[in-house]
Amino acid sequence: MPQVPNIRLNNGVSIPQLGFGVFQVPPADTARAVRVALDAGYRHVDTAQGYSNEEGVGQALRESGLPRDEVFVTTKLANGRHGHDSAIAALDESLARLGTDSSTST
């Protein structure tokens, strides 16, 4: 895979501009699809609570053997989970489904 340009976030962290999206990837196929993407060189995976496949993304990350700090994962909160307390709870739920925690998330 050719070198993917990074974009700098407001906090100074650089993230790959191109990510592998799992929208409409069936949950049963997600881990395999993400593993193939990671093997091909992707280092950014985009999912969402509404896709119902965060678990597969997390499984692929663990199975890839890649250091966690080399792969960015973006997810989106479900509609109706955007209030302060609800957003914190929703984030914790996503992190649990992904099998990661806030100390390794960016």
Protein backbone atom coordinates (compact mmCIF):
# COMPACT_ATOMS: atom_id res chain seq x y z
CA MET A 1 0.00 0.00 0.00
CA PRO A 2 1.40 3.44 -0.86
CA GLN A 3 2.29 5.76 1.99
CA VAL A 4 -0.93 7.36 3.30
CA PRO A 5 -0.65 11.01 4.30
CA ASN A 6 -1.44 11.92 7.88
CA ILE A 7 -3.52 14.80 9.14
CA ARG A 8 -2.74 16.56 12.39
CA LEU A 9 -5.57 16.72 14.92
CA ASN A 10 -6.16 19.70 17.20
CA ASN A 11 -4.32 17.90 20.00
CA GLY A 12 -1.18 17.55 17.84
CA VAL A 13 -1.59 13.81 17.16
CA SER A 14 -1.27 12.74 13.52
CA ILE A 15 -3.74 10.20 12.16
CA PRO A 16 -3.73 8.44 8.77
CA GLN A 17 -5.97 10.40 6.42
CA LEU A 18 -7.30 7.21 4.83
CA GLY A 19 -9.06 4.66 6.98
CA PHE A 20 -10.75 1.32 6.38
CA GLY A 21 -14.47 1.75 6.98
CA VAL A 22 -16.67 -1.10 8.14
CA PHE A 23 -20.06 0.46 7.40
CA GLN A 24 -22.42 -2.32 6.27
CA VAL A 25 -19.82 -5.05 6.89
CA PRO A 26 -21.80 -7.84 8.56
CA PRO A 27 -20.63 -8.47 12.14
CA ALA A 28 -19.72 -12.07 11.25
CA ASP A 29 -17.36 -10.82 8.50
CA THR A 30 -15.85 -7.82 10.27
CA ALA A 31 -12.83 -9.43 11.94
CA ARG A 32 -11.70 -11.08 8.72
CA ALA A 33 -12.22 -7.91 6.66
CA VAL A 34 -10.31 -5.76 9.13
CA ARG A 35 -7.46 -8.28 9.38
CA VAL A 36 -7.11 -8.21 5.58
CA ALA A 37 -7.10 -4.39 5.66
CA LEU A 38 -4.46 -4.31 8.41
CA ASP A 39 -2.36 -6.86 6.49
CA ALA A 40 -2.64 -4.58 3.44
CA GLY A 41 -1.23 -1.68 5.43
CA TYR A 42 -4.23 0.21 6.77
CA ARG A 43 -3.55 1.76 10.18
CA HIS A 44 -6.88 3.50 10.68
CA VAL A 45 -10.17 1.64 11.07
CA ASP A 46 -13.50 3.47 11.21
CA THR A 47 -16.56 1.93 12.86
CA ALA A 48 -19.63 3.09 14.79
CA GLN A 49 -21.94 1.84 17.49
CA GLY A 50 -24.75 1.74 14.95
CA TYR A 51 -22.82 -0.66 12.69
CA SER A 52 -22.98 -3.38 15.38
CA ASN A 53 -19.50 -4.61 14.49
CA GLU A 54 -17.15 -2.98 17.01
CA GLU A 55 -16.44 -6.40 18.53
CA GLY A 56 -15.09 -7.67 15.20
CA VAL A 57 -12.86 -4.63 14.84
CA GLY A 58 -11.42 -5.30 18.28
CA GLN A 59 -10.93 -8.98 17.52
CA ALA A 60 -9.00 -8.12 14.36
CA LEU A 61 -6.80 -5.67 16.24
CA ARG A 62 -5.89 -8.30 18.80
CA GLU A 63 -5.29 -10.98 16.17
CA SER A 64 -3.17 -8.68 14.00
CA GLY A 65 -0.29 -8.63 16.47
CA LEU A 66 0.23 -4.93 15.69
CA PRO A 67 1.11 -2.69 18.61
CA ARG A 68 -2.06 -0.88 19.70
CA ASP A 69 -0.36 2.50 19.40
CA GLU A 70 0.18 1.91 15.67
CA VAL A 71 -3.52 1.57 14.77
CA PHE A 72 -6.13 4.30 15.09
CA VAL A 73 -9.74 3.32 15.64
CA THR A 74 -12.50 5.85 15.20
CA THR A 75 -16.06 5.14 16.22
CA LYS A 76 -19.18 7.20 16.45
CA LEU A 77 -21.75 7.43 19.21
CA ALA A 78 -25.27 6.24 18.57
CA ASN A 79 -27.90 8.92 18.07
CA GLY A 80 -29.39 9.88 21.39
CA ARG A 81 -26.09 9.28 23.24
CA HIS A 82 -24.64 12.76 22.83
CA GLY A 83 -25.38 14.29 26.23
CA HIS A 84 -22.43 14.51 28.63
CA ASP A 85 -23.20 11.53 30.90
CA SER A 86 -24.70 9.47 28.09
CA ALA A 87 -21.68 10.11 25.84
CA ILE A 88 -19.25 9.00 28.56
CA ALA A 89 -21.26 5.80 29.12
CA ALA A 90 -21.49 5.18 25.35
CA LEU A 91 -17.73 5.64 24.95
CA ASP A 92 -17.08 3.17 27.76
CA GLU A 93 -19.40 0.68 26.04
CA SER A 94 -17.58 1.08 22.71
CA LEU A 95 -14.20 0.68 24.37
CA ALA A 96 -15.42 -2.53 26.02
CA ARG A 97 -16.73 -3.89 22.70
CA LEU A 98 -13.44 -2.97 21.01
CA GLY A 99 -11.51 -4.61 23.85
CA THR A 100 -9.47 -1.51 24.55
CA ASP A 101 -9.59 1.24 27.14
CA SER A 102 -9.17 4.96 27.32
CA SER A 103 -5.51 4.67 28.26
CA THR A 104 -4.78 3.33 24.76
CA SER A 105 -7.30 5.40 22.83
CA THR A 106 -6.58 8.69 21.16
